[in-house]
């Protein structure tokens, strides 16, 4: 019913736009001379459409929010008092679902009680009446808005100002949704992390050197929950990735910005950026099936014991993945360096390579460092590559040729399978996620601050 009603509303809104557009063109006279109007005809059409659509959609949203409570109350009114007194919230929810199933015609697995059948019959009548009432009210609101907006159309009516106000409010609401979503994510992780710290001492978590959580059914925190092995594995893999991505990406950026011909740059830069669009699971499979065995065979040839799943394998493939982040951001920053700095250096007799080393790179260095930090935050939060290629060995060691475990691997492991989210074994994933969020947020803030400072200096 809701989909049908939304389709009807969209059709009415389209008609309203055409009504407003037609009337404004008539006011403009022959030739559609919009100079006679305060706003262009399209704004009048948009204004009528907004007056038609916004009130109707608000009524529809409020109706859908209130409707379930009304239906539940209708059901409870048919439940005997002695039965209603014994129902807790979970039992009430189950009973409401049973009655709704009976009213919809699907039925229930056992024999329903007499009061459930009576409640289902009454609910079905109320739902039918409510559906027609909703259709009538929403469509009437849309038509009333159309008529009122059409009457307001005049040559001096500031339709453009009204439409732009609505658009500004819509943009502000979209920004608010993004901000509130971030706040909601942080608060949900924070609350669950605090529940975890009620089982485990925060000092033992943040400074512990052993990770060996015990899975128990008693809800107690058995085993060890030391963060340092996971954090060290994350930093090791990310460091290897940056050792691969930073020099390669920076050299690519320098070549594309300073040496490459425009014809070559026009297709080479998009081709490199395609790497950023490849799903990370593909990189993980590539690391597991190609890079890992190759590194193991290469190590055997030179006398080194390299595990197929290791920090080296995961870091190398992750470095390939983040090369576009480094190269693209660095290229954009290098090209923003004022041409006057290059011309001044060349005019003093410096070669092109000397100009790049001693003038362009130092001038672009704050922005390049910001690009490196953004790439580092991307590497720290990566999941699928390390899940498949890093192994799962939460031990504190410094050998990159052996398997390691990272924060993201552990979050996946702790939340996989039949998990009781009230136990510390599952709640630890939220503490790990909050820790990872704080680290990446800090890197992003530092990077954005550096990039903004650079842009203020040269724009």
Protein backbone atom coordinates (compact mmCIF):
# COMPACT_ATOMS: atom_id res chain seq x y z
CA UNK A 1 0.00 0.00 0.00
CA UNK A 2 2.80 2.41 0.88
CA UNK A 3 4.56 1.80 -2.44
CA UNK A 4 1.32 2.45 -4.32
CA UNK A 5 0.74 5.63 -2.33
CA UNK A 6 4.28 6.86 -2.97
CA UNK A 7 3.80 6.21 -6.69
CA UNK A 8 0.55 8.20 -6.65
CA UNK A 9 2.27 11.04 -4.80
CA UNK A 10 5.14 11.16 -7.28
CA UNK A 11 2.64 11.32 -10.14
CA UNK A 12 0.76 14.19 -8.46
CA UNK A 13 4.06 16.02 -7.81
CA UNK A 14 4.99 15.71 -11.49
CA UNK A 15 1.58 17.11 -12.46
CA UNK A 16 2.01 19.92 -9.92
CA UNK A 17 5.34 20.90 -11.46
CA UNK A 18 3.77 21.10 -14.90
CA UNK A 19 0.85 23.14 -13.51
CA UNK A 20 3.20 25.68 -11.94
CA UNK A 21 5.37 25.81 -15.02
CA UNK A 22 2.38 26.34 -17.33
CA UNK A 23 0.85 29.12 -15.23
CA UNK A 24 4.15 30.98 -14.90
CA UNK A 25 4.67 30.84 -18.65
CA UNK A 26 1.19 32.20 -19.20
CA UNK A 27 2.02 35.09 -16.87
CA UNK A 28 5.17 35.75 -18.87
CA UNK A 29 3.10 36.10 -22.01
CA UNK A 30 3.86 35.00 -25.52
CA UNK A 31 7.41 33.92 -26.17
CA UNK A 32 7.77 32.89 -22.50
CA UNK A 33 9.47 36.16 -21.60
CA UNK A 34 10.71 35.27 -18.13
CA UNK A 35 12.04 38.83 -17.68
CA UNK A 36 8.51 39.80 -16.63
CA UNK A 37 8.67 37.33 -13.71
CA UNK A 38 10.71 37.62 -10.55
CA UNK A 39 11.97 34.05 -11.05
CA UNK A 40 12.38 31.73 -13.98
CA UNK A 41 9.36 29.52 -14.80
CA UNK A 42 11.12 26.40 -13.53
CA UNK A 43 11.24 27.84 -10.01
CA UNK A 44 7.47 28.33 -9.99
CA UNK A 45 6.98 24.74 -11.11
CA UNK A 46 9.37 23.52 -8.42
CA UNK A 47 7.59 25.62 -5.79
CA UNK A 48 4.20 24.11 -6.60
CA UNK A 49 5.75 20.62 -6.56
CA UNK A 50 7.29 21.27 -3.13
CA UNK A 51 4.04 22.61 -1.70
CA UNK A 52 2.33 19.53 -3.06
CA UNK A 53 4.88 16.93 -1.98
CA UNK A 54 6.38 18.02 1.35
CA UNK A 55 3.16 18.16 3.46
CA UNK A 56 1.90 14.92 1.93
CA UNK A 57 5.13 13.05 2.61
CA UNK A 58 5.33 14.41 6.17
CA UNK A 59 1.78 13.19 6.84
CA UNK A 60 2.69 9.79 5.36
CA UNK A 61 5.80 9.48 7.54
CA UNK A 62 3.98 10.47 10.75
CA UNK A 63 1.08 8.14 9.89
CA UNK A 64 3.44 5.19 9.38
CA UNK A 65 5.19 5.93 12.68
CA UNK A 66 1.95 6.11 14.68
CA UNK A 67 0.11 3.29 12.92
CA UNK A 68 1.91 0.31 14.57
CA UNK A 69 1.13 1.63 18.06
CA UNK A 70 -2.55 1.98 17.17
CA UNK A 71 -2.68 -1.55 15.77
CA UNK A 72 -0.98 -2.91 18.88
CA UNK A 73 -3.49 -1.15 21.09
CA UNK A 74 -6.37 -2.58 19.03
CA UNK A 75 -4.96 -6.07 19.57
CA UNK A 76 -4.42 -5.58 23.30
CA UNK A 77 -8.00 -4.36 23.72
CA UNK A 78 -9.20 -7.83 22.70
CA UNK A 79 -6.90 -9.67 25.11
CA UNK A 80 -8.55 -10.67 28.41
CA UNK A 81 -7.36 -8.70 31.40
CA UNK A 82 -6.06 -11.76 33.26
CA UNK A 83 -3.91 -12.74 30.26
CA UNK A 84 -2.71 -9.21 29.61
CA UNK A 85 -1.48 -8.94 33.21
CA UNK A 86 0.89 -11.90 32.68
CA UNK A 87 2.49 -10.61 29.48
CA UNK A 88 5.99 -9.13 29.53
CA UNK A 89 7.28 -6.99 26.61
CA UNK A 90 8.72 -10.02 24.78
CA UNK A 91 5.51 -12.02 25.15
CA UNK A 92 3.45 -9.04 24.03
CA UNK A 93 5.55 -8.71 20.90
CA UNK A 94 5.11 -12.42 20.12
CA UNK A 95 1.36 -12.23 20.60
CA UNK A 96 1.08 -9.12 18.38
CA UNK A 97 3.02 -10.90 15.64
CA UNK A 98 0.68 -13.92 15.91
CA UNK A 99 -2.42 -11.75 15.57
CA UNK A 100 -0.91 -9.87 12.63
CA UNK A 101 -0.12 -13.19 10.95
CA UNK A 102 -3.72 -14.31 11.44
CA UNK A 103 -5.05 -11.02 10.10
CA UNK A 104 -2.84 -11.23 7.01
CA UNK A 105 -4.06 -14.75 6.23
CA UNK A 106 -0.76 -16.57 6.78
CA UNK A 107 -1.95 -18.19 10.00
CA UNK A 108 0.10 -19.64 12.85
CA UNK A 109 1.63 -23.05 13.48
CA UNK A 110 -0.65 -23.97 16.41
CA UNK A 111 -4.34 -23.49 17.18
CA UNK A 112 -5.05 -19.81 17.92
CA UNK A 113 -7.06 -18.77 20.94
CA UNK A 114 -10.52 -17.29 20.58
CA UNK A 115 -9.38 -13.83 21.65
CA UNK A 116 -6.59 -13.98 19.04
CA UNK A 117 -9.10 -14.73 16.30
CA UNK A 118 -11.32 -11.87 17.48
CA UNK A 119 -8.37 -9.50 17.63
CA UNK A 120 -7.25 -10.57 14.14
CA UNK A 121 -10.72 -9.96 12.74
CA UNK A 122 -10.90 -6.50 14.27
CA UNK A 123 -7.32 -5.72 13.20
CA UNK A 124 -8.11 -6.64 9.61
CA UNK A 125 -11.07 -4.23 9.59
CA UNK A 126 -8.98 -1.44 11.11
CA UNK A 127 -6.16 -2.04 8.61
CA UNK A 128 -8.58 -1.80 5.66
CA UNK A 129 -10.14 1.38 7.01
CA UNK A 130 -6.69 2.80 7.80
CA UNK A 131 -5.39 2.09 4.31
CA UNK A 132 -8.23 3.95 2.62
CA UNK A 133 -8.04 6.77 5.17
CA UNK A 134 -4.30 7.11 4.63
CA UNK A 135 -4.75 7.26 0.87
CA UNK A 136 -7.51 9.86 1.17
CA UNK A 137 -5.70 12.07 3.68
CA UNK A 138 -2.32 12.01 1.93
CA UNK A 139 -3.74 12.59 -1.56
CA UNK A 140 -6.01 15.36 -0.23
CA UNK A 141 -3.05 17.07 1.41
CA UNK A 142 -1.13 16.87 -1.86
CA UNK A 143 -4.03 18.33 -3.87
CA UNK A 144 -4.66 21.11 -1.32
CA UNK A 145 -0.98 22.04 -1.47
CA UNK A 146 -1.13 22.08 -5.27
CA UNK A 147 -4.14 24.40 -5.32
CA UNK A 148 -2.75 26.76 -2.69
CA UNK A 149 0.64 27.02 -4.37
CA UNK A 150 -0.92 27.62 -7.77
CA UNK A 151 -2.92 30.53 -6.38
CA UNK A 152 0.23 32.13 -4.98
CA UNK A 153 1.93 32.30 -8.36
CA UNK A 154 2.25 35.93 -9.48
CA UNK A 155 4.71 37.99 -11.45
CA UNK A 156 6.41 39.43 -8.36
CA UNK A 157 6.25 36.32 -6.21
CA UNK A 158 9.75 35.32 -5.11
CA UNK A 159 9.57 31.67 -6.06
CA UNK A 160 13.31 31.29 -6.42
CA UNK A 161 13.93 32.48 -2.85
CA UNK A 162 11.39 30.01 -1.46
CA UNK A 163 12.79 27.07 -3.43
CA UNK A 164 16.36 27.90 -2.42
CA UNK A 165 15.35 28.09 1.25
CA UNK A 166 13.88 24.61 1.01
CA UNK A 167 17.02 23.34 -0.70
CA UNK A 168 19.20 24.90 2.00
CA UNK A 169 17.16 23.18 4.69
CA UNK A 170 17.40 19.87 2.79
CA UNK A 171 21.18 20.20 2.48
CA UNK A 172 21.48 21.04 6.18
CA UNK A 173 19.39 17.97 7.06
CA UNK A 174 21.62 15.78 4.89
CA UNK A 175 24.69 17.15 6.67
CA UNK A 176 23.00 16.53 9.99
CA UNK A 177 22.25 12.92 9.04
CA UNK A 178 25.93 12.31 8.25
CA UNK A 179 27.03 13.89 11.53
CA UNK A 180 24.41 12.10 13.61
CA UNK A 181 25.31 8.80 11.98
CA UNK A 182 28.94 9.26 12.98
CA UNK A 183 27.95 10.25 16.51
CA UNK A 184 25.61 7.26 16.72
CA UNK A 185 28.33 4.85 15.64
CA UNK A 186 30.77 6.28 18.17
CA UNK A 187 28.24 6.24 21.01
CA UNK A 188 27.15 2.68 20.28
CA UNK A 189 30.76 1.47 20.26
CA UNK A 190 31.55 3.50 23.38
CA UNK A 191 28.63 2.10 25.36
CA UNK A 192 29.47 -1.50 24.44
CA UNK A 193 33.17 -0.88 25.13
CA UNK A 194 32.28 0.37 28.62
CA UNK A 195 30.37 -2.88 29.19
CA UNK A 196 33.50 -4.78 28.20
CA UNK A 197 35.65 -2.77 30.60
CA UNK A 198 33.28 -3.79 33.39
CA UNK A 199 34.67 -7.33 32.85
CA UNK A 200 38.30 -6.49 31.99
CA UNK A 201 40.56 -3.87 33.54
CA UNK A 202 41.38 -1.18 30.93
CA UNK A 203 45.05 -1.28 31.96
CA UNK A 204 45.16 -5.01 31.25
CA UNK A 205 43.53 -4.40 27.88
CA UNK A 206 45.63 -1.48 26.63
CA UNK A 207 48.97 -2.63 28.04
CA UNK A 208 48.60 -6.41 28.03
CA UNK A 209 51.10 -8.39 25.95
CA UNK A 210 49.09 -11.62 25.58
CA UNK A 211 45.95 -12.18 23.52
CA UNK A 212 44.21 -15.42 24.40
CA UNK A 213 40.49 -14.85 25.05
CA UNK A 214 38.67 -17.76 26.57
CA UNK A 215 35.18 -18.55 25.33
CA UNK A 216 32.97 -19.45 28.24
CA UNK A 217 29.23 -19.70 28.79
CA UNK A 218 29.31 -18.13 32.26
CA UNK A 219 29.70 -14.57 30.97
CA UNK A 220 32.99 -14.11 32.83
CA UNK A 221 36.17 -12.78 31.25
CA UNK A 222 38.36 -15.85 30.97
CA UNK A 223 41.76 -15.73 29.30
CA UNK A 224 43.91 -12.74 28.35
CA UNK A 225 42.80 -9.64 26.44
CA UNK A 226 46.06 -7.79 25.78
CA UNK A 227 45.86 -5.27 22.94
CA UNK A 228 49.57 -4.81 22.24
CA UNK A 229 50.10 -7.93 20.03
CA UNK A 230 47.17 -6.91 17.83
CA UNK A 231 48.20 -3.26 17.72
CA UNK A 232 51.79 -4.19 16.87
CA UNK A 233 50.62 -6.52 14.09
CA UNK A 234 48.43 -3.73 12.69
CA UNK A 235 51.29 -1.23 12.75
CA UNK A 236 53.71 -3.74 11.24
CA UNK A 237 51.45 -4.56 8.28
CA UNK A 238 50.59 -0.89 7.78
CA UNK A 239 54.25 0.10 7.96
CA UNK A 240 55.19 -2.43 5.26
CA UNK A 241 52.31 -1.16 3.13
CA UNK A 242 53.54 2.43 3.46
CA UNK A 243 57.12 1.36 2.62
CA UNK A 244 55.72 0.00 -0.64
CA UNK A 245 53.16 2.69 -1.44
CA UNK A 246 54.92 5.90 -0.40
CA UNK A 247 58.03 5.77 -2.62
CA UNK A 248 56.23 4.20 -5.59
CA UNK A 249 53.24 6.53 -5.31
CA UNK A 250 55.41 9.61 -4.86
CA UNK A 251 57.58 8.74 -7.87
CA UNK A 252 54.45 8.19 -9.96
CA UNK A 253 53.09 11.56 -8.85
CA UNK A 254 56.34 13.36 -9.67
CA UNK A 255 56.55 11.77 -13.10
CA UNK A 256 52.92 12.48 -13.99
CA UNK A 257 53.05 16.07 -12.70
CA UNK A 258 56.48 17.11 -14.02
CA UNK A 259 57.68 14.83 -16.80
CA UNK A 260 54.75 13.06 -18.47
CA UNK A 261 53.21 14.44 -21.65
CA UNK A 262 49.56 15.50 -21.37
CA UNK A 263 48.48 12.73 -23.73
CA UNK A 264 50.17 10.08 -21.56
CA UNK A 265 48.94 11.65 -18.30
CA UNK A 266 45.33 11.74 -19.55
CA UNK A 267 45.09 7.94 -19.57
CA UNK A 268 47.86 6.89 -17.16
CA UNK A 269 46.41 8.63 -14.08
CA UNK A 270 42.90 7.13 -14.48
CA UNK A 271 44.46 3.73 -15.14
CA UNK A 272 46.42 3.91 -11.87
CA UNK A 273 43.35 5.08 -9.97
CA UNK A 274 41.50 1.96 -11.14
CA UNK A 275 43.51 0.10 -8.49
CA UNK A 276 41.54 1.98 -5.83
CA UNK A 277 38.27 0.65 -7.26
CA UNK A 278 39.21 -3.04 -7.08
CA UNK A 279 37.39 -4.77 -4.19
CA UNK A 280 39.72 -5.54 -1.31
CA UNK A 281 38.60 -9.17 -1.29
CA UNK A 282 40.19 -9.49 -4.73
CA UNK A 283 43.47 -8.17 -3.32
CA UNK A 284 43.17 -10.65 -0.47
CA UNK A 285 42.70 -13.61 -2.80
CA UNK A 286 45.59 -12.35 -4.96
CA UNK A 287 47.83 -12.16 -1.88
CA UNK A 288 46.77 -15.61 -0.66
CA UNK A 289 47.09 -17.45 -3.97
CA UNK A 290 49.87 -15.58 -5.79
CA UNK A 291 52.04 -13.32 -3.62
CA UNK A 292 52.14 -15.63 -0.58
CA UNK A 293 53.31 -18.78 -2.42
CA UNK A 294 55.71 -16.70 -4.52
CA UNK A 295 57.28 -15.17 -1.39
CA UNK A 296 57.55 -18.62 0.21
CA UNK A 297 59.29 -20.10 -2.85
CA UNK A 298 61.57 -17.07 -3.16
CA UNK A 299 62.53 -17.36 0.50
CA UNK A 300 63.32 -21.07 0.04
CA UNK A 301 65.65 -20.20 -2.85
CA UNK A 302 67.69 -17.76 -0.74
CA UNK A 303 67.51 -19.71 2.51
CA UNK A 304 64.80 -17.75 4.33
CA UNK A 305 61.74 -19.25 5.96
CA UNK A 306 58.87 -17.03 4.76
CA UNK A 307 55.33 -18.00 5.60
CA UNK A 308 52.81 -17.80 2.78
CA UNK A 309 50.54 -15.88 5.16
CA UNK A 310 52.65 -13.26 6.87
CA UNK A 311 52.92 -9.57 7.63
CA UNK A 312 55.14 -9.18 4.56
CA UNK A 313 52.56 -10.70 2.21
CA UNK A 314 49.67 -8.67 3.57
CA UNK A 315 51.69 -5.45 3.76
CA UNK A 316 53.04 -5.76 0.22
CA UNK A 317 49.61 -6.30 -1.34
CA UNK A 318 48.08 -3.60 0.83
CA UNK A 319 50.81 -1.24 -0.35
CA UNK A 320 49.82 -1.94 -3.96
CA UNK A 321 46.23 -1.18 -3.05
CA UNK A 322 46.98 2.24 -1.51
CA UNK A 323 49.38 3.38 -4.25
CA UNK A 324 46.54 5.32 -5.97
CA UNK A 325 45.79 7.19 -2.73
CA UNK A 326 49.38 8.37 -2.46
CA UNK A 327 49.97 9.06 -6.15
CA UNK A 328 46.69 10.82 -6.86
CA UNK A 329 46.74 13.07 -3.80
CA UNK A 330 50.44 13.85 -4.20
CA UNK A 331 49.98 14.59 -7.90
CA UNK A 332 47.15 17.03 -7.17
CA UNK A 333 49.24 18.78 -4.52
CA UNK A 334 52.37 19.00 -6.68
CA UNK A 335 50.45 20.50 -9.59
CA UNK A 336 49.06 23.18 -7.25
CA UNK A 337 52.54 24.53 -6.51
CA UNK A 338 52.67 27.98 -8.20
CA UNK A 339 54.35 28.03 -11.56
CA UNK A 340 56.30 31.13 -10.50
CA UNK A 341 58.39 29.02 -8.09
CA UNK A 342 59.44 26.69 -10.89
CA UNK A 343 60.19 29.56 -13.29
CA UNK A 344 62.23 31.37 -10.67
CA UNK A 345 64.34 28.28 -9.97
CA UNK A 346 64.89 27.56 -13.67
CA UNK A 347 65.71 31.23 -14.28
CA UNK A 348 68.49 31.04 -11.68
CA UNK A 349 70.11 28.20 -13.61
CA UNK A 350 68.79 25.12 -11.77
CA UNK A 351 68.05 22.02 -13.78
CA UNK A 352 64.58 20.53 -13.85
CA UNK A 353 65.50 17.72 -11.46
CA UNK A 354 67.13 20.20 -9.06
CA UNK A 355 63.99 22.36 -9.21
CA UNK A 356 61.84 19.38 -8.35
CA UNK A 357 64.07 18.25 -5.47
CA UNK A 358 64.83 21.63 -3.94
CA UNK A 359 61.79 23.76 -4.78
CA UNK A 360 58.69 21.82 -5.80
CA UNK A 361 58.87 18.97 -3.28
CA UNK A 362 59.69 21.20 -0.28
CA UNK A 363 56.86 23.55 -1.27
CA UNK A 364 54.43 20.64 -1.60
CA UNK A 365 55.77 18.71 1.42
CA UNK A 366 52.98 19.59 3.91
CA UNK A 367 50.33 18.39 1.47
CA UNK A 368 52.33 15.27 0.59
CA UNK A 369 52.66 14.40 4.29
CA UNK A 370 48.91 14.82 4.60
CA UNK A 371 48.45 12.39 1.70
CA UNK A 372 50.75 9.89 3.44
CA UNK A 373 48.75 10.11 6.67
CA UNK A 374 45.46 9.60 4.84
CA UNK A 375 46.95 6.52 3.14
CA UNK A 376 48.16 5.28 6.55
CA UNK A 377 44.66 5.56 8.03
CA UNK A 378 43.34 3.61 5.02
CA UNK A 379 45.92 0.88 5.61
CA UNK A 380 45.26 0.63 9.36
CA UNK A 381 41.55 0.07 8.82
CA UNK A 382 41.90 -2.53 6.06
CA UNK A 383 40.23 -5.87 6.81
CA UNK A 384 39.90 -8.40 3.98
CA UNK A 385 43.54 -8.38 2.86
CA UNK A 386 44.86 -9.05 6.36
CA UNK A 387 42.15 -11.62 7.08
CA UNK A 388 43.26 -13.69 4.09
CA UNK A 389 46.97 -12.92 3.87
CA UNK A 390 48.34 -12.02 7.31
CA UNK A 391 47.46 -15.25 9.10
CA UNK A 392 46.06 -15.24 12.60
CA UNK A 393 48.89 -15.38 15.07
CA UNK A 394 48.36 -12.89 17.93
CA UNK A 395 51.94 -13.06 19.16
CA UNK A 396 54.20 -10.14 19.97
CA UNK A 397 57.22 -10.51 17.65
CA UNK A 398 59.17 -8.33 15.22
CA UNK A 399 59.64 -10.82 12.37
CA UNK A 400 57.64 -9.65 9.32
CA UNK A 401 58.15 -13.05 7.66
CA UNK A 402 55.84 -14.75 10.15
CA UNK A 403 52.09 -14.63 10.57
CA UNK A 404 50.57 -11.87 12.66
CA UNK A 405 47.13 -10.85 13.84
CA UNK A 406 45.71 -7.36 13.53
CA UNK A 407 42.89 -5.47 15.19
CA UNK A 408 40.57 -5.93 12.22
CA UNK A 409 41.24 -9.69 12.02
CA UNK A 410 40.36 -10.04 15.69
CA UNK A 411 37.15 -8.04 15.33
CA UNK A 412 36.05 -10.39 12.56
CA UNK A 413 36.95 -13.46 14.62
CA UNK A 414 35.19 -12.27 17.76
CA UNK A 415 31.96 -11.44 15.94
CA UNK A 416 31.84 -14.55 13.74
CA UNK A 417 29.59 -17.46 14.57
CA UNK A 418 26.99 -17.90 17.29
CA UNK A 419 27.94 -14.97 19.50
CA UNK A 420 26.43 -13.84 22.78
CA UNK A 421 26.71 -10.07 22.67
CA UNK A 422 26.48 -9.86 26.45
CA UNK A 423 29.73 -11.76 26.96
CA UNK A 424 33.18 -10.15 27.13
CA UNK A 425 34.34 -12.42 24.31
CA UNK A 426 32.06 -10.49 21.93
CA UNK A 427 32.11 -7.10 23.64
CA UNK A 428 35.87 -6.90 23.16
CA UNK A 429 35.23 -6.34 19.45
CA UNK A 430 33.62 -3.00 20.30
CA UNK A 431 36.60 -1.97 22.43
CA UNK A 432 38.91 -2.90 19.56
CA UNK A 433 36.73 -1.02 17.08
CA UNK A 434 36.70 2.09 19.27
CA UNK A 435 40.47 1.95 19.58
CA UNK A 436 40.88 1.63 15.83
CA UNK A 437 38.41 4.47 15.28
CA UNK A 438 40.38 6.79 17.58
CA UNK A 439 43.65 5.96 15.80
CA UNK A 440 42.31 6.53 12.29
CA UNK A 441 40.39 9.63 13.37
CA UNK A 442 43.56 11.10 14.81
CA UNK A 443 45.49 10.42 11.61
CA UNK A 444 42.72 11.95 9.50
CA UNK A 445 42.55 15.06 11.67
CA UNK A 446 46.31 15.58 11.48
CA UNK A 447 46.32 14.99 7.72
CA UNK A 448 43.43 17.36 7.06
CA UNK A 449 45.03 20.02 9.26
CA UNK A 450 48.29 19.79 7.33
CA UNK A 451 46.57 19.83 3.92
CA UNK A 452 44.38 22.78 4.93
CA UNK A 453 47.38 24.72 6.15
CA UNK A 454 49.12 24.07 2.83
CA UNK A 455 46.12 25.20 0.82
CA UNK A 456 45.77 28.39 2.84
CA UNK A 457 49.36 29.15 2.05
CA UNK A 458 49.28 28.68 -1.73
CA UNK A 459 45.71 29.21 -2.94
